Amino acid sequence: FFRYVVGSSLVWSEEVSKIIFFYI
């Protein structure tokens, strides 16, 4: 949503996703 609608990506989302994925 932020990348394609707002036009600005969330810089922290990849890192948080990686951490969540490891714990999963």
PDB file of all heavy atoms in Angstrom:
ATOM      1  N   PHE A   1       0.825  -1.202   0.000  1.00  0.00           N
ATOM      2  CA  PHE A   1       0.000   0.000   0.000  1.00  0.00           C
ATOM      3  C   PHE A   1       0.866   1.263   0.000  1.00  0.00           C
ATOM      4  O   PHE A   1       0.654   2.177  -0.792  1.00  0.00           O
ATOM      5  CB  PHE A   1      -0.939   0.003   1.209  1.00  0.00           C
ATOM      6  CG  PHE A   1      -1.737   1.257   1.342  1.00  0.00           C
ATOM      7  CD1 PHE A   1      -2.862   1.462   0.560  1.00  0.00           C
ATOM      8  CD2 PHE A   1      -1.369   2.247   2.247  1.00  0.00           C
ATOM      9  CE1 PHE A   1      -3.602   2.628   0.665  1.00  0.00           C
ATOM     10  CE2 PHE A   1      -2.096   3.409   2.368  1.00  0.00           C
ATOM     11  CZ  PHE A   1      -3.219   3.606   1.579  1.00  0.00           C
ATOM     12  N   PHE A   2       1.822   1.307   0.894  1.00  0.00           N
ATOM     13  CA  PHE A   2       2.664   2.504   0.989  1.00  0.00           C
ATOM     14  C   PHE A   2       3.515   2.703  -0.260  1.00  0.00           C
ATOM     15  O   PHE A   2       3.728   3.827  -0.701  1.00  0.00           O
ATOM     16  CB  PHE A   2       3.554   2.457   2.240  1.00  0.00           C
ATOM     17  CG  PHE A   2       2.879   3.002   3.461  1.00  0.00           C
ATOM     18  CD1 PHE A   2       2.071   2.185   4.238  1.00  0.00           C
ATOM     19  CD2 PHE A   2       3.038   4.317   3.828  1.00  0.00           C
ATOM     20  CE1 PHE A   2       1.431   2.684   5.356  1.00  0.00           C
ATOM     21  CE2 PHE A   2       2.405   4.838   4.951  1.00  0.00           C
ATOM     22  CZ  PHE A   2       1.599   4.014   5.716  1.00  0.00           C
ATOM     23  N   ARG A   3       3.991   1.620  -0.846  1.00  0.00           N
ATOM     24  CA  ARG A   3       4.857   1.754  -2.013  1.00  0.00           C
ATOM     25  C   ARG A   3       4.072   2.189  -3.247  1.00  0.00           C
ATOM     26  O   ARG A   3       4.501   3.080  -3.978  1.00  0.00           O
ATOM     27  CB  ARG A   3       5.578   0.437  -2.305  1.00  0.00           C
ATOM     28  CG  ARG A   3       6.502   0.552  -3.527  1.00  0.00           C
ATOM     29  CD  ARG A   3       7.357  -0.654  -3.708  1.00  0.00           C
ATOM     30  NE  ARG A   3       8.279  -0.725  -2.587  1.00  0.00           N
ATOM     31  CZ  ARG A   3       9.098  -1.722  -2.382  1.00  0.00           C
ATOM     32  NH1 ARG A   3       9.118  -2.736  -3.211  1.00  0.00           N
ATOM     33  NH2 ARG A   3       9.899  -1.731  -1.345  1.00  0.00           N
ATOM     34  N   TYR A   4       2.896   1.592  -3.497  1.00  0.00           N
ATOM     35  CA  TYR A   4       2.181   1.845  -4.744  1.00  0.00           C
ATOM     36  C   TYR A   4       1.071   2.872  -4.632  1.00  0.00           C
ATOM     37  O   TYR A   4       0.716   3.490  -5.632  1.00  0.00           O
ATOM     38  CB  TYR A   4       1.632   0.530  -5.306  1.00  0.00           C
ATOM     39  CG  TYR A   4       2.741  -0.400  -5.725  1.00  0.00           C
ATOM     40  CD1 TYR A   4       3.016  -1.543  -4.987  1.00  0.00           C
ATOM     41  CD2 TYR A   4       3.532  -0.115  -6.827  1.00  0.00           C
ATOM     42  CE1 TYR A   4       4.048  -2.383  -5.349  1.00  0.00           C
ATOM     43  CE2 TYR A   4       4.570  -0.953  -7.201  1.00  0.00           C
ATOM     44  CZ  TYR A   4       4.819  -2.088  -6.460  1.00  0.00           C
ATOM     45  OH  TYR A   4       5.841  -2.919  -6.828  1.00  0.00           O
ATOM     46  N   VAL A   5       0.503   3.075  -3.457  1.00  0.00           N
ATOM     47  CA  VAL A   5      -0.574   4.055  -3.311  1.00  0.00           C
ATOM     48  C   VAL A   5      -0.027   5.375  -2.777  1.00  0.00           C
ATOM     49  O   VAL A   5      -0.266   6.434  -3.348  1.00  0.00           O
ATOM     50  CB  VAL A   5      -1.704   3.510  -2.398  1.00  0.00           C
ATOM     51  CG1 VAL A   5      -2.770   4.556  -2.161  1.00  0.00           C
ATOM     52  CG2 VAL A   5      -2.316   2.251  -3.001  1.00  0.00           C
ATOM     53  N   VAL A   6       0.723   5.298  -1.704  1.00  0.00           N
ATOM     54  CA  VAL A   6       1.269   6.514  -1.097  1.00  0.00           C
ATOM     55  C   VAL A   6       2.493   6.998  -1.866  1.00  0.00           C
ATOM     56  O   VAL A   6       2.756   8.194  -1.934  1.00  0.00           O
ATOM     57  CB  VAL A   6       1.594   6.272   0.405  1.00  0.00           C
ATOM     58  CG1 VAL A   6       2.222   7.484   1.046  1.00  0.00           C
ATOM     59  CG2 VAL A   6       0.342   5.849   1.164  1.00  0.00           C
ATOM     60  N   GLY A   7       3.250   6.064  -2.450  1.00  0.00           N
ATOM     61  CA  GLY A   7       4.426   6.440  -3.222  1.00  0.00           C
ATOM     62  C   GLY A   7       5.703   6.513  -2.399  1.00  0.00           C
ATOM     63  O   GLY A   7       6.720   7.008  -2.872  1.00  0.00           O
ATOM     64  N   SER A   8       5.656   6.034  -1.180  1.00  0.00           N
ATOM     65  CA  SER A   8       6.831   6.035  -0.311  1.00  0.00           C
ATOM     66  C   SER A   8       6.843   4.716   0.464  1.00  0.00           C
ATOM     67  O   SER A   8       5.870   4.385   1.137  1.00  0.00           O
ATOM     68  CB  SER A   8       6.760   7.211   0.656  1.00  0.00           C
ATOM     69  OG  SER A   8       7.785   7.137   1.604  1.00  0.00           O
ATOM     70  N   SER A   9       7.930   3.979   0.350  1.00  0.00           N
ATOM     71  CA  SER A   9       7.966   2.684   1.030  1.00  0.00           C
ATOM     72  C   SER A   9       8.389   2.840   2.490  1.00  0.00           C
ATOM     73  O   SER A   9       9.025   3.810   2.871  1.00  0.00           O
ATOM     74  CB  SER A   9       8.911   1.735   0.301  1.00  0.00           C
ATOM     75  OG  SER A   9      10.216   2.241   0.336  1.00  0.00           O
ATOM     76  N   LEU A  10       8.015   1.843   3.265  1.00  0.00           N
ATOM     77  CA  LEU A  10       8.386   1.807   4.677  1.00  0.00           C
ATOM     78  C   LEU A  10       9.787   1.213   4.780  1.00  0.00           C
ATOM     79  O   LEU A  10      10.008   0.064   4.400  1.00  0.00           O
ATOM     80  CB  LEU A  10       7.393   0.946   5.468  1.00  0.00           C
ATOM     81  CG  LEU A  10       5.925   1.368   5.401  1.00  0.00           C
ATOM     82  CD1 LEU A  10       5.045   0.299   6.018  1.00  0.00           C
ATOM     83  CD2 LEU A  10       5.741   2.690   6.115  1.00  0.00           C
ATOM     84  N   VAL A  11      10.735   1.980   5.287  1.00  0.00           N
ATOM     85  CA  VAL A  11      12.121   1.515   5.314  1.00  0.00           C
ATOM     86  C   VAL A  11      12.353   0.409   6.338  1.00  0.00           C
ATOM     87  O   VAL A  11      13.267  -0.390   6.194  1.00  0.00           O
ATOM     88  CB  VAL A  11      13.100   2.688   5.575  1.00  0.00           C
ATOM     89  CG1 VAL A  11      13.068   3.663   4.430  1.00  0.00           C
ATOM     90  CG2 VAL A  11      12.795   3.368   6.882  1.00  0.00           C
ATOM     91  N   TRP A  12      11.537   0.321   7.335  1.00  0.00           N
ATOM     92  CA  TRP A  12      11.735  -0.631   8.414  1.00  0.00           C
ATOM     93  C   TRP A  12      10.987  -1.945   8.194  1.00  0.00           C
ATOM     94  O   TRP A  12      11.220  -2.927   8.896  1.00  0.00           O
ATOM     95  CB  TRP A  12      11.276  -0.029   9.740  1.00  0.00           C
ATOM     96  CG  TRP A  12       9.896   0.564   9.671  1.00  0.00           C
ATOM     97  CD1 TRP A  12       9.583   1.856   9.380  1.00  0.00           C
ATOM     98  CD2 TRP A  12       8.657  -0.115   9.872  1.00  0.00           C
ATOM     99  NE1 TRP A  12       8.217   2.024   9.386  1.00  0.00           N
ATOM    100  CE2 TRP A  12       7.632   0.820   9.688  1.00  0.00           C
ATOM    101  CE3 TRP A  12       8.317  -1.422  10.187  1.00  0.00           C
ATOM    102  CZ2 TRP A  12       6.280   0.504   9.802  1.00  0.00           C
ATOM    103  CZ3 TRP A  12       6.976  -1.750  10.299  1.00  0.00           C
ATOM    104  CH2 TRP A  12       5.984  -0.790  10.111  1.00  0.00           C
ATOM    105  N   SER A  13      10.092  -2.019   7.218  1.00  0.00           N
ATOM    106  CA  SER A  13       9.216  -3.191   7.088  1.00  0.00           C
ATOM    107  C   SER A  13       9.976  -4.465   6.715  1.00  0.00           C
ATOM    108  O   SER A  13       9.627  -5.549   7.181  1.00  0.00           O
ATOM    109  CB  SER A  13       8.115  -2.927   6.063  1.00  0.00           C
ATOM    110  OG  SER A  13       8.663  -2.794   4.772  1.00  0.00           O
ATOM    111  N   GLU A  14      11.011  -4.357   5.889  1.00  0.00           N
ATOM    112  CA  GLU A  14      11.766  -5.561   5.513  1.00  0.00           C
ATOM    113  C   GLU A  14      12.459  -6.172   6.732  1.00  0.00           C
ATOM    114  O   GLU A  14      12.459  -7.388   6.917  1.00  0.00           O
ATOM    115  CB  GLU A  14      12.794  -5.233   4.438  1.00  0.00           C
ATOM    116  CG  GLU A  14      13.594  -6.434   4.004  1.00  0.00           C
ATOM    117  CD  GLU A  14      14.692  -6.093   3.019  1.00  0.00           C
ATOM    118  OE1 GLU A  14      14.759  -4.946   2.542  1.00  0.00           O
ATOM    119  OE2 GLU A  14      15.500  -6.992   2.760  1.00  0.00           O
ATOM    120  N   GLU A  15      13.019  -5.326   7.558  1.00  0.00           N
ATOM    121  CA  GLU A  15      13.707  -5.812   8.753  1.00  0.00           C
ATOM    122  C   GLU A  15      12.739  -6.464   9.735  1.00  0.00           C
ATOM    123  O   GLU A  15      13.025  -7.530  10.285  1.00  0.00           O
ATOM    124  CB  GLU A  15      14.416  -4.640   9.434  1.00  0.00           C
ATOM    125  CG  GLU A  15      15.816  -4.966   9.845  1.00  0.00           C
ATOM    126  CD  GLU A  15      16.559  -3.707  10.225  1.00  0.00           C
ATOM    127  OE1 GLU A  15      16.338  -3.238  11.362  1.00  0.00           O
ATOM    128  OE2 GLU A  15      17.341  -3.217   9.402  1.00  0.00           O
ATOM    129  N   VAL A  16      11.610  -5.834   9.959  1.00  0.00           N
ATOM    130  CA  VAL A  16      10.608  -6.394  10.865  1.00  0.00           C
ATOM    131  C   VAL A  16      10.076  -7.710  10.308  1.00  0.00           C
ATOM    132  O   VAL A  16       9.907  -8.689  11.044  1.00  0.00           O
ATOM    133  CB  VAL A  16       9.463  -5.384  11.121  1.00  0.00           C
ATOM    134  CG1 VAL A  16       8.336  -6.023  11.900  1.00  0.00           C
ATOM    135  CG2 VAL A  16       9.978  -4.154  11.847  1.00  0.00           C
ATOM    136  N   SER A  17       9.851  -7.752   8.989  1.00  0.00           N
ATOM    137  CA  SER A  17       9.379  -8.989   8.356  1.00  0.00           C
ATOM    138  C   SER A  17      10.381 -10.118   8.546  1.00  0.00           C
ATOM    139  O   SER A  17      10.008 -11.260   8.815  1.00  0.00           O
ATOM    140  CB  SER A  17       9.144  -8.772   6.859  1.00  0.00           C
ATOM    141  OG  SER A  17       8.123  -7.854   6.642  1.00  0.00           O
ATOM    142  N   LYS A  18      11.654  -9.806   8.403  1.00  0.00           N
ATOM    143  CA  LYS A  18      12.700 -10.821   8.573  1.00  0.00           C
ATOM    144  C   LYS A  18      12.691 -11.363  10.003  1.00  0.00           C
ATOM    145  O   LYS A  18      12.754 -12.576  10.216  1.00  0.00           O
ATOM    146  CB  LYS A  18      14.067 -10.218   8.242  1.00  0.00           C
ATOM    147  CG  LYS A  18      15.226 -11.168   8.424  1.00  0.00           C
ATOM    148  CD  LYS A  18      16.547 -10.541   8.034  1.00  0.00           C
ATOM    149  CE  LYS A  18      16.964  -9.508   9.046  1.00  0.00           C
ATOM    150  NZ  LYS A  18      18.344  -9.025   8.876  1.00  0.00           N
ATOM    151  N   ILE A  19      12.586 -10.478  10.966  1.00  0.00           N
ATOM    152  CA  ILE A  19      12.579 -10.900  12.371  1.00  0.00           C
ATOM    153  C   ILE A  19      11.353 -11.768  12.660  1.00  0.00           C
ATOM    154  O   ILE A  19      11.453 -12.837  13.271  1.00  0.00           O
ATOM    155  CB  ILE A  19      12.622  -9.672  13.304  1.00  0.00           C
ATOM    156  CG1 ILE A  19      13.958  -8.950  13.159  1.00  0.00           C
ATOM    157  CG2 ILE A  19      12.380 -10.078  14.754  1.00  0.00           C
ATOM    158  CD1 ILE A  19      14.007  -7.589  13.814  1.00  0.00           C
ATOM    159  N   ILE A  20      10.185 -11.319  12.197  1.00  0.00           N
ATOM    160  CA  ILE A  20       8.950 -12.092  12.407  1.00  0.00           C
ATOM    161  C   ILE A  20       9.074 -13.460  11.749  1.00  0.00           C
ATOM    162  O   ILE A  20       8.689 -14.480  12.324  1.00  0.00           O
ATOM    163  CB  ILE A  20       7.732 -11.323  11.869  1.00  0.00           C
ATOM    164  CG1 ILE A  20       7.456 -10.087  12.736  1.00  0.00           C
ATOM    165  CG2 ILE A  20       6.492 -12.217  11.811  1.00  0.00           C
ATOM    166  CD1 ILE A  20       6.394  -9.160  12.173  1.00  0.00           C
ATOM    167  N   PHE A  21       9.618 -13.492  10.545  1.00  0.00           N
ATOM    168  CA  PHE A  21       9.761 -14.748   9.812  1.00  0.00           C
ATOM    169  C   PHE A  21      10.660 -15.726  10.563  1.00  0.00           C
ATOM    170  O   PHE A  21      10.350 -16.915  10.661  1.00  0.00           O
ATOM    171  CB  PHE A  21      10.302 -14.468   8.411  1.00  0.00           C
ATOM    172  CG  PHE A  21      10.210 -15.640   7.484  1.00  0.00           C
ATOM    173  CD1 PHE A  21       8.983 -16.137   7.077  1.00  0.00           C
ATOM    174  CD2 PHE A  21      11.356 -16.236   7.003  1.00  0.00           C
ATOM    175  CE1 PHE A  21       8.897 -17.217   6.227  1.00  0.00           C
ATOM    176  CE2 PHE A  21      11.283 -17.318   6.150  1.00  0.00           C
ATOM    177  CZ  PHE A  21      10.051 -17.808   5.760  1.00  0.00           C
ATOM    178  N   PHE A  22      11.771 -15.255  11.114  1.00  0.00           N
ATOM    179  CA  PHE A  22      12.661 -16.125  11.889  1.00  0.00           C
ATOM    180  C   PHE A  22      11.926 -16.735  13.076  1.00  0.00           C
ATOM    181  O   PHE A  22      12.048 -17.929  13.359  1.00  0.00           O
ATOM    182  CB  PHE A  22      13.886 -15.365  12.394  1.00  0.00           C
ATOM    183  CG  PHE A  22      14.895 -15.048  11.330  1.00  0.00           C
ATOM    184  CD1 PHE A  22      15.782 -14.002  11.509  1.00  0.00           C
ATOM    185  CD2 PHE A  22      14.972 -15.768  10.159  1.00  0.00           C
ATOM    186  CE1 PHE A  22      16.725 -13.697  10.534  1.00  0.00           C
ATOM    187  CE2 PHE A  22      15.906 -15.479   9.176  1.00  0.00           C
ATOM    188  CZ  PHE A  22      16.787 -14.436   9.378  1.00  0.00           C
ATOM    189  N   TYR A  23      11.173 -15.914  13.793  1.00  0.00           N
ATOM    190  CA  TYR A  23      10.455 -16.422  14.962  1.00  0.00           C
ATOM    191  C   TYR A  23       9.357 -17.399  14.559  1.00  0.00           C
ATOM    192  O   TYR A  23       9.120 -18.391  15.253  1.00  0.00           O
ATOM    193  CB  TYR A  23       9.909 -15.275  15.808  1.00  0.00           C
ATOM    194  CG  TYR A  23      10.971 -14.676  16.696  1.00  0.00           C
ATOM    195  CD1 TYR A  23      11.751 -13.609  16.271  1.00  0.00           C
ATOM    196  CD2 TYR A  23      11.220 -15.200  17.957  1.00  0.00           C
ATOM    197  CE1 TYR A  23      12.744 -13.078  17.068  1.00  0.00           C
ATOM    198  CE2 TYR A  23      12.206 -14.669  18.772  1.00  0.00           C
ATOM    199  CZ  TYR A  23      12.962 -13.609  18.316  1.00  0.00           C
ATOM    200  OH  TYR A  23      13.954 -13.095  19.125  1.00  0.00           O
ATOM    201  N   ILE A  24       8.682 -17.151  13.433  1.00  0.00           N
ATOM    202  CA  ILE A  24       7.669 -18.093  12.949  1.00  0.00           C
ATOM    203  C   ILE A  24       8.305 -19.444  12.653  1.00  0.00           C
ATOM    204  O   ILE A  24       7.761 -20.493  12.999  1.00  0.00           O
ATOM    205  CB  ILE A  24       6.943 -17.537  11.696  1.00  0.00           C
ATOM    206  CG1 ILE A  24       6.012 -16.391  12.081  1.00  0.00           C
ATOM    207  CG2 ILE A  24       6.160 -18.640  10.991  1.00  0.00           C
ATOM    208  CD1 ILE A  24       5.393 -15.683  10.892  1.00  0.00           C
TER     209      ILE A  24
END
